[in-house]
Amino acid sequence: MLVASVLVAAASPAFASDVQKPAKVKEVKVCQRVVPTGSIMAVKSCRTQKEWDELSTKSQDTVRQVRDRSASTLGAGSAN
């Protein structure tokens, strides 16, 4: 009888409390020295690589928009 109960216990599915949750992946901070606009002193800025990538993408988009706006403004005035 003891052997039968051990076999049943071994064959039963694990309970939710027995299942281990995957460990959280700790994102590593990347620090860079950044000179803010209007300043001559660099400051240390630490962000995750994902945050640096997002900031870079936003900055590139802003530069692209300003460039396109100025090109369209200059192009419209020089058609005389």
PDB file of N, CA and C in Angstrom:
ATOM      1  N   MET A   1       0.821  -1.189   0.000  1.00  0.00           N
ATOM      2  CA  MET A   1       0.000   0.000   0.000  1.00  0.00           C
ATOM      3  C   MET A   1       0.872   1.264   0.000  1.00  0.00           C
ATOM      4  N   LEU A   2       1.975   1.221   0.710  1.00  0.00           N
ATOM      5  CA  LEU A   2       2.886   2.352   0.767  1.00  0.00           C
ATOM      6  C   LEU A   2       3.519   2.606  -0.593  1.00  0.00           C
ATOM      7  N   VAL A   3       3.826   1.546  -1.309  1.00  0.00           N
ATOM      8  CA  VAL A   3       4.421   1.673  -2.638  1.00  0.00           C
ATOM      9  C   VAL A   3       3.428   2.320  -3.595  1.00  0.00           C
ATOM     10  N   ALA A   4       2.161   1.966  -3.506  1.00  0.00           N
ATOM     11  CA  ALA A   4       1.131   2.526  -4.371  1.00  0.00           C
ATOM     12  C   ALA A   4       0.963   4.018  -4.124  1.00  0.00           C
ATOM     13  N   SER A   5       0.998   4.473  -2.888  1.00  0.00           N
ATOM     14  CA  SER A   5       0.835   5.900  -2.595  1.00  0.00           C
ATOM     15  C   SER A   5       2.049   6.701  -3.076  1.00  0.00           C
ATOM     16  N   VAL A   6       3.238   6.127  -3.030  1.00  0.00           N
ATOM     17  CA  VAL A   6       4.432   6.803  -3.535  1.00  0.00           C
ATOM     18  C   VAL A   6       4.354   6.950  -5.039  1.00  0.00           C
ATOM     19  N   LEU A   7       3.883   5.929  -5.734  1.00  0.00           N
ATOM     20  CA  LEU A   7       3.746   5.996  -7.187  1.00  0.00           C
ATOM     21  C   LEU A   7       2.711   7.029  -7.601  1.00  0.00           C
ATOM     22  N   VAL A   8       1.603   7.109  -6.868  1.00  0.00           N
ATOM     23  CA  VAL A   8       0.563   8.096  -7.177  1.00  0.00           C
ATOM     24  C   VAL A   8       1.102   9.500  -6.956  1.00  0.00           C
ATOM     25  N   ALA A   9       1.838   9.700  -5.883  1.00  0.00           N
ATOM     26  CA  ALA A   9       2.397  11.018  -5.583  1.00  0.00           C
ATOM     27  C   ALA A   9       3.412  11.433  -6.652  1.00  0.00           C
ATOM     28  N   ALA A  10       4.189  10.491  -7.138  1.00  0.00           N
ATOM     29  CA  ALA A  10       5.190  10.800  -8.154  1.00  0.00           C
ATOM     30  C   ALA A  10       4.549  11.114  -9.493  1.00  0.00           C
ATOM     31  N   ALA A  11       3.397  10.528  -9.778  1.00  0.00           N
ATOM     32  CA  ALA A  11       2.743  10.728 -11.060  1.00  0.00           C
ATOM     33  C   ALA A  11       1.823  11.939 -11.072  1.00  0.00           C
ATOM     34  N   SER A  12       1.477  12.502  -9.908  1.00  0.00           N
ATOM     35  CA  SER A  12       0.540  13.626  -9.865  1.00  0.00           C
ATOM     36  C   SER A  12       1.233  14.901 -10.322  1.00  0.00           C
ATOM     37  N   PRO A  13       0.477  15.803 -10.967  1.00  0.00           N
ATOM     38  CA  PRO A  13       1.080  17.055 -11.441  1.00  0.00           C
ATOM     39  C   PRO A  13       1.480  17.947 -10.268  1.00  0.00           C
ATOM     40  N   ALA A  14       2.428  18.819 -10.502  1.00  0.00           N
ATOM     41  CA  ALA A  14       2.905  19.732  -9.460  1.00  0.00           C
ATOM     42  C   ALA A  14       1.856  20.795  -9.193  1.00  0.00           C
ATOM     43  N   PHE A  15       1.771  21.214  -7.971  1.00  0.00           N
ATOM     44  CA  PHE A  15       0.856  22.288  -7.605  1.00  0.00           C
ATOM     45  C   PHE A  15       1.462  23.621  -8.022  1.00  0.00           C
ATOM     46  N   ALA A  16       0.618  24.635  -8.148  1.00  0.00           N
ATOM     47  CA  ALA A  16       1.084  25.950  -8.591  1.00  0.00           C
ATOM     48  C   ALA A  16       2.115  26.528  -7.628  1.00  0.00           C
ATOM     49  N   SER A  17       1.972  26.218  -6.350  1.00  0.00           N
ATOM     50  CA  SER A  17       2.928  26.761  -5.385  1.00  0.00           C
ATOM     51  C   SER A  17       4.285  26.083  -5.493  1.00  0.00           C
ATOM     52  N   ASP A  18       4.334  24.891  -6.080  1.00  0.00           N
ATOM     53  CA  ASP A  18       5.596  24.175  -6.227  1.00  0.00           C
ATOM     54  C   ASP A  18       6.402  24.638  -7.435  1.00  0.00           C
ATOM     55  N   VAL A  19       5.752  25.277  -8.391  1.00  0.00           N
ATOM     56  CA  VAL A  19       6.423  25.695  -9.617  1.00  0.00           C
ATOM     57  C   VAL A  19       7.225  26.962  -9.330  1.00  0.00           C
ATOM     58  N   GLN A  20       8.490  26.951  -9.704  1.00  0.00           N
ATOM     59  CA  GLN A  20       9.336  28.115  -9.481  1.00  0.00           C
ATOM     60  C   GLN A  20       9.110  29.138 -10.577  1.00  0.00           C
ATOM     61  N   LYS A  21       9.032  30.380 -10.165  1.00  0.00           N
ATOM     62  CA  LYS A  21       8.872  31.465 -11.127  1.00  0.00           C
ATOM     63  C   LYS A  21      10.238  31.809 -11.688  1.00  0.00           C
ATOM     64  N   PRO A  22      10.285  32.200 -12.967  1.00  0.00           N
ATOM     65  CA  PRO A  22      11.584  32.580 -13.530  1.00  0.00           C
ATOM     66  C   PRO A  22      12.121  33.819 -12.817  1.00  0.00           C
ATOM     67  N   ALA A  23      13.400  33.852 -12.619  1.00  0.00           N
ATOM     68  CA  ALA A  23      14.032  34.982 -11.942  1.00  0.00           C
ATOM     69  C   ALA A  23      13.957  36.219 -12.821  1.00  0.00           C
ATOM     70  N   LYS A  24      13.748  37.359 -12.187  1.00  0.00           N
ATOM     71  CA  LYS A  24      13.706  38.612 -12.937  1.00  0.00           C
ATOM     72  C   LYS A  24      15.093  38.908 -13.475  1.00  0.00           C
ATOM     73  N   VAL A  25      15.137  39.346 -14.711  1.00  0.00           N
ATOM     74  CA  VAL A  25      16.412  39.698 -15.330  1.00  0.00           C
ATOM     75  C   VAL A  25      16.731  41.134 -14.914  1.00  0.00           C
ATOM     76  N   LYS A  26      17.832  41.297 -14.243  1.00  0.00           N
ATOM     77  CA  LYS A  26      18.232  42.629 -13.804  1.00  0.00           C
ATOM     78  C   LYS A  26      18.932  43.324 -14.953  1.00  0.00           C
ATOM     79  N   GLU A  27      18.387  44.464 -15.342  1.00  0.00           N
ATOM     80  CA  GLU A  27      18.994  45.207 -16.440  1.00  0.00           C
ATOM     81  C   GLU A  27      20.174  46.014 -15.897  1.00  0.00           C
ATOM     82  N   VAL A  28      21.250  45.957 -16.607  1.00  0.00           N
ATOM     83  CA  VAL A  28      22.478  46.629 -16.196  1.00  0.00           C
ATOM     84  C   VAL A  28      22.395  48.096 -16.600  1.00  0.00           C
ATOM     85  N   LYS A  29      22.783  48.964 -15.682  1.00  0.00           N
ATOM     86  CA  LYS A  29      22.815  50.396 -15.978  1.00  0.00           C
ATOM     87  C   LYS A  29      24.106  50.731 -16.709  1.00  0.00           C
ATOM     88  N   VAL A  30      23.984  51.576 -17.713  1.00  0.00           N
ATOM     89  CA  VAL A  30      25.132  52.052 -18.476  1.00  0.00           C
ATOM     90  C   VAL A  30      25.261  53.547 -18.184  1.00  0.00           C
ATOM     91  N   CYS A  31      26.404  53.941 -17.667  1.00  0.00           N
ATOM     92  CA  CYS A  31      26.612  55.352 -17.308  1.00  0.00           C
ATOM     93  C   CYS A  31      27.446  56.052 -18.380  1.00  0.00           C
ATOM     94  N   GLN A  32      27.027  57.270 -18.689  1.00  0.00           N
ATOM     95  CA  GLN A  32      27.753  58.090 -19.665  1.00  0.00           C
ATOM     96  C   GLN A  32      27.872  59.501 -19.108  1.00  0.00           C
ATOM     97  N   ARG A  33      28.903  60.194 -19.528  1.00  0.00           N
ATOM     98  CA  ARG A  33      29.045  61.600 -19.156  1.00  0.00           C
ATOM     99  C   ARG A  33      28.390  62.423 -20.258  1.00  0.00           C
ATOM    100  N   VAL A  34      27.416  63.236 -19.864  1.00  0.00           N
ATOM    101  CA  VAL A  34      26.611  64.002 -20.810  1.00  0.00           C
ATOM    102  C   VAL A  34      26.738  65.482 -20.476  1.00  0.00           C
ATOM    103  N   VAL A  35      26.900  66.308 -21.502  1.00  0.00           N
ATOM    104  CA  VAL A  35      26.944  67.756 -21.317  1.00  0.00           C
ATOM    105  C   VAL A  35      25.571  68.301 -21.689  1.00  0.00           C
ATOM    106  N   PRO A  36      24.788  68.750 -20.687  1.00  0.00           N
ATOM    107  CA  PRO A  36      23.462  69.289 -20.984  1.00  0.00           C
ATOM    108  C   PRO A  36      23.549  70.566 -21.829  1.00  0.00           C
ATOM    109  N   THR A  37      22.529  70.819 -22.616  1.00  0.00           N
ATOM    110  CA  THR A  37      22.479  72.019 -23.442  1.00  0.00           C
ATOM    111  C   THR A  37      22.556  73.255 -22.551  1.00  0.00           C
ATOM    112  N   GLY A  38      23.420  74.195 -22.908  1.00  0.00           N
ATOM    113  CA  GLY A  38      23.572  75.425 -22.150  1.00  0.00           C
ATOM    114  C   GLY A  38      24.561  75.316 -21.001  1.00  0.00           C
ATOM    115  N   SER A  39      25.258  74.209 -20.900  1.00  0.00           N
ATOM    116  CA  SER A  39      26.214  74.020 -19.821  1.00  0.00           C
ATOM    117  C   SER A  39      27.562  73.606 -20.396  1.00  0.00           C
ATOM    118  N   ILE A  40      28.613  73.863 -19.629  1.00  0.00           N
ATOM    119  CA  ILE A  40      29.932  73.405 -20.045  1.00  0.00           C
ATOM    120  C   ILE A  40      30.413  72.265 -19.148  1.00  0.00           C
ATOM    121  N   MET A  41      29.621  71.944 -18.131  1.00  0.00           N
ATOM    122  CA  MET A  41      29.999  70.889 -17.193  1.00  0.00           C
ATOM    123  C   MET A  41      29.258  69.599 -17.517  1.00  0.00           C
ATOM    124  N   ALA A  42      30.011  68.528 -17.647  1.00  0.00           N
ATOM    125  CA  ALA A  42      29.412  67.223 -17.912  1.00  0.00           C
ATOM    126  C   ALA A  42      28.836  66.654 -16.618  1.00  0.00           C
ATOM    127  N   VAL A  43      27.757  65.915 -16.763  1.00  0.00           N
ATOM    128  CA  VAL A  43      27.160  65.216 -15.625  1.00  0.00           C
ATOM    129  C   VAL A  43      27.089  63.733 -15.959  1.00  0.00           C
ATOM    130  N   LYS A  44      27.124  62.923 -14.940  1.00  0.00           N
ATOM    131  CA  LYS A  44      27.043  61.481 -15.128  1.00  0.00           C
ATOM    132  C   LYS A  44      25.565  61.092 -15.192  1.00  0.00           C
ATOM    133  N   SER A  45      25.197  60.385 -16.247  1.00  0.00           N
ATOM    134  CA  SER A  45      23.818  59.951 -16.436  1.00  0.00           C
ATOM    135  C   SER A  45      23.812  58.438 -16.619  1.00  0.00           C
ATOM    136  N   CYS A  46      23.054  57.739 -15.775  1.00  0.00           N
ATOM    137  CA  CYS A  46      23.004  56.274 -15.827  1.00  0.00           C
ATOM    138  C   CYS A  46      21.600  55.826 -16.226  1.00  0.00           C
ATOM    139  N   ARG A  47      21.520  55.001 -17.246  1.00  0.00           N
ATOM    140  CA  ARG A  47      20.257  54.448 -17.752  1.00  0.00           C
ATOM    141  C   ARG A  47      20.523  53.034 -18.234  1.00  0.00           C
ATOM    142  N   THR A  48      19.445  52.296 -18.462  1.00  0.00           N
ATOM    143  CA  THR A  48      19.608  50.964 -19.049  1.00  0.00           C
ATOM    144  C   THR A  48      19.904  51.138 -20.538  1.00  0.00           C
ATOM    145  N   GLN A  49      20.443  50.101 -21.168  1.00  0.00           N
ATOM    146  CA  GLN A  49      20.757  50.186 -22.595  1.00  0.00           C
ATOM    147  C   GLN A  49      19.492  50.449 -23.396  1.00  0.00           C
ATOM    148  N   LYS A  50      18.376  49.868 -22.985  1.00  0.00           N
ATOM    149  CA  LYS A  50      17.099  50.092 -23.672  1.00  0.00           C
ATOM    150  C   LYS A  50      16.704  51.564 -23.597  1.00  0.00           C
ATOM    151  N   GLU A  51      16.891  52.180 -22.439  1.00  0.00           N
ATOM    152  CA  GLU A  51      16.566  53.601 -22.297  1.00  0.00           C
ATOM    153  C   GLU A  51      17.483  54.467 -23.159  1.00  0.00           C
ATOM    154  N   TRP A  52      18.774  54.124 -23.224  1.00  0.00           N
ATOM    155  CA  TRP A  52      19.695  54.881 -24.086  1.00  0.00           C
ATOM    156  C   TRP A  52      19.276  54.758 -25.551  1.00  0.00           C
ATOM    157  N   ASP A  53      18.882  53.555 -25.964  1.00  0.00           N
ATOM    158  CA  ASP A  53      18.454  53.340 -27.349  1.00  0.00           C
ATOM    159  C   ASP A  53      17.196  54.145 -27.673  1.00  0.00           C
ATOM    160  N   GLU A  54      16.237  54.169 -26.730  1.00  0.00           N
ATOM    161  CA  GLU A  54      15.010  54.941 -26.941  1.00  0.00           C
ATOM    162  C   GLU A  54      15.310  56.430 -27.026  1.00  0.00           C
ATOM    163  N   LEU A  55      16.200  56.915 -26.166  1.00  0.00           N
ATOM    164  CA  LEU A  55      16.575  58.328 -26.179  1.00  0.00           C
ATOM    165  C   LEU A  55      17.250  58.692 -27.499  1.00  0.00           C
ATOM    166  N   SER A  56      18.110  57.816 -27.990  1.00  0.00           N
ATOM    167  CA  SER A  56      18.789  58.054 -29.255  1.00  0.00           C
ATOM    168  C   SER A  56      17.793  58.102 -30.413  1.00  0.00           C
ATOM    169  N   THR A  57      16.848  57.179 -30.407  1.00  0.00           N
ATOM    170  CA  THR A  57      15.831  57.145 -31.466  1.00  0.00           C
ATOM    171  C   THR A  57      14.983  58.413 -31.449  1.00  0.00           C
ATOM    172  N   LYS A  58      14.578  58.848 -30.258  1.00  0.00           N
ATOM    173  CA  LYS A  58      13.777  60.076 -30.146  1.00  0.00           C
ATOM    174  C   LYS A  58      14.565  61.288 -30.630  1.00  0.00           C
ATOM    175  N   SER A  59      15.838  61.342 -30.274  1.00  0.00           N
ATOM    176  CA  SER A  59      16.674  62.466 -30.694  1.00  0.00           C
ATOM    177  C   SER A  59      16.833  62.496 -32.210  1.00  0.00           C
ATOM    178  N   GLN A  60      17.051  61.345 -32.807  1.00  0.00           N
ATOM    179  CA  GLN A  60      17.186  61.274 -34.260  1.00  0.00           C
ATOM    180  C   GLN A  60      15.887  61.674 -34.950  1.00  0.00           C
ATOM    181  N   ASP A  61      14.744  61.263 -34.393  1.00  0.00           N
ATOM    182  CA  ASP A  61      13.448  61.645 -34.962  1.00  0.00           C
ATOM    183  C   ASP A  61      13.246  63.153 -34.890  1.00  0.00           C
ATOM    184  N   THR A  62      13.632  63.764 -33.767  1.00  0.00           N
ATOM    185  CA  THR A  62      13.488  65.212 -33.604  1.00  0.00           C
ATOM    186  C   THR A  62      14.357  65.951 -34.606  1.00  0.00           C
ATOM    187  N   VAL A  63      15.598  65.529 -34.763  1.00  0.00           N
ATOM    188  CA  VAL A  63      16.501  66.172 -35.730  1.00  0.00           C
ATOM    189  C   VAL A  63      15.938  66.035 -37.142  1.00  0.00           C
ATOM    190  N   ARG A  64      15.425  64.872 -37.461  1.00  0.00           N
ATOM    191  CA  ARG A  64      14.836  64.634 -38.788  1.00  0.00           C
ATOM    192  C   ARG A  64      13.644  65.561 -39.037  1.00  0.00           C
ATOM    193  N   GLN A  65      12.782  65.728 -38.026  1.00  0.00           N
ATOM    194  CA  GLN A  65      11.615  66.609 -38.175  1.00  0.00           C
ATOM    195  C   GLN A  65      12.031  68.058 -38.365  1.00  0.00           C
ATOM    196  N   VAL A  66      12.994  68.516 -37.587  1.00  0.00           N
ATOM    197  CA  VAL A  66      13.465  69.899 -37.718  1.00  0.00           C
ATOM    198  C   VAL A  66      14.094  70.113 -39.089  1.00  0.00           C
ATOM    199  N   ARG A  67      14.895  69.156 -39.542  1.00  0.00           N
ATOM    200  CA  ARG A  67      15.550  69.262 -40.848  1.00  0.00           C
ATOM    201  C   ARG A  67      14.510  69.307 -41.964  1.00  0.00           C
ATOM    202  N   ASP A  68      13.497  68.437 -41.882  1.00  0.00           N
ATOM    203  CA  ASP A  68      12.463  68.414 -42.920  1.00  0.00           C
ATOM    204  C   ASP A  68      11.653  69.701 -42.928  1.00  0.00           C
ATOM    205  N   ARG A  69      11.341  70.227 -41.726  1.00  0.00           N
ATOM    206  CA  ARG A  69      10.582  71.477 -41.653  1.00  0.00           C
ATOM    207  C   ARG A  69      11.379  72.633 -42.236  1.00  0.00           C
ATOM    208  N   SER A  70      12.655  72.708 -41.903  1.00  0.00           N
ATOM    209  CA  SER A  70      13.456  73.827 -42.412  1.00  0.00           C
ATOM    210  C   SER A  70      13.675  73.697 -43.917  1.00  0.00           C
ATOM    211  N   ALA A  71      13.808  72.490 -44.406  1.00  0.00           N
ATOM    212  CA  ALA A  71      13.985  72.286 -45.857  1.00  0.00           C
ATOM    213  C   ALA A  71      12.727  72.696 -46.610  1.00  0.00           C
ATOM    214  N   SER A  72      11.562  72.375 -46.050  1.00  0.00           N
ATOM    215  CA  SER A  72      10.317  72.734 -46.734  1.00  0.00           C
ATOM    216  C   SER A  72      10.076  74.246 -46.659  1.00  0.00           C
ATOM    217  N   THR A  73      10.508  74.896 -45.571  1.00  0.00           N
ATOM    218  CA  THR A  73      10.358  76.340 -45.445  1.00  0.00           C
ATOM    219  C   THR A  73      11.295  77.074 -46.395  1.00  0.00           C
ATOM    220  N   LEU A  74      12.529  76.630 -46.487  1.00  0.00           N
ATOM    221  CA  LEU A  74      13.492  77.256 -47.382  1.00  0.00           C
ATOM    222  C   LEU A  74      13.138  77.001 -48.846  1.00  0.00           C
ATOM    223  N   GLY A  75      12.648  75.837 -49.146  1.00  0.00           N
ATOM    224  CA  GLY A  75      12.279  75.491 -50.502  1.00  0.00           C
ATOM    225  C   GLY A  75      11.100  76.305 -51.009  1.00  0.00           C
ATOM    226  N   ALA A  76      10.153  76.665 -50.149  1.00  0.00           N
ATOM    227  CA  ALA A  76       8.966  77.401 -50.552  1.00  0.00           C
ATOM    228  C   ALA A  76       9.311  78.859 -50.858  1.00  0.00           C
ATOM    229  N   GLY A  77      10.271  79.438 -50.139  1.00  0.00           N
ATOM    230  CA  GLY A  77      10.625  80.843 -50.336  1.00  0.00           C
ATOM    231  C   GLY A  77      11.546  81.082 -51.509  1.00  0.00           C
ATOM    232  N   SER A  78      12.235  80.082 -51.984  1.00  0.00           N
ATOM    233  CA  SER A  78      13.210  80.287 -53.051  1.00  0.00           C
ATOM    234  C   SER A  78      12.645  79.996 -54.450  1.00  0.00           C
ATOM    235  N   ALA A  79      11.340  79.871 -54.588  1.00  0.00           N
ATOM    236  CA  ALA A  79      10.739  79.553 -55.871  1.00  0.00           C
ATOM    237  C   ALA A  79      10.485  80.805 -56.716  1.00  0.00           C
ATOM    238  N   ASN A  80      10.986  81.970 -56.309  1.00  0.00           N
ATOM    239  CA  ASN A  80      10.740  83.198 -57.070  1.00  0.00           C
ATOM    240  C   ASN A  80      11.453  83.182 -58.345  1.00  0.00           C
TER     241      ASN A  80
END
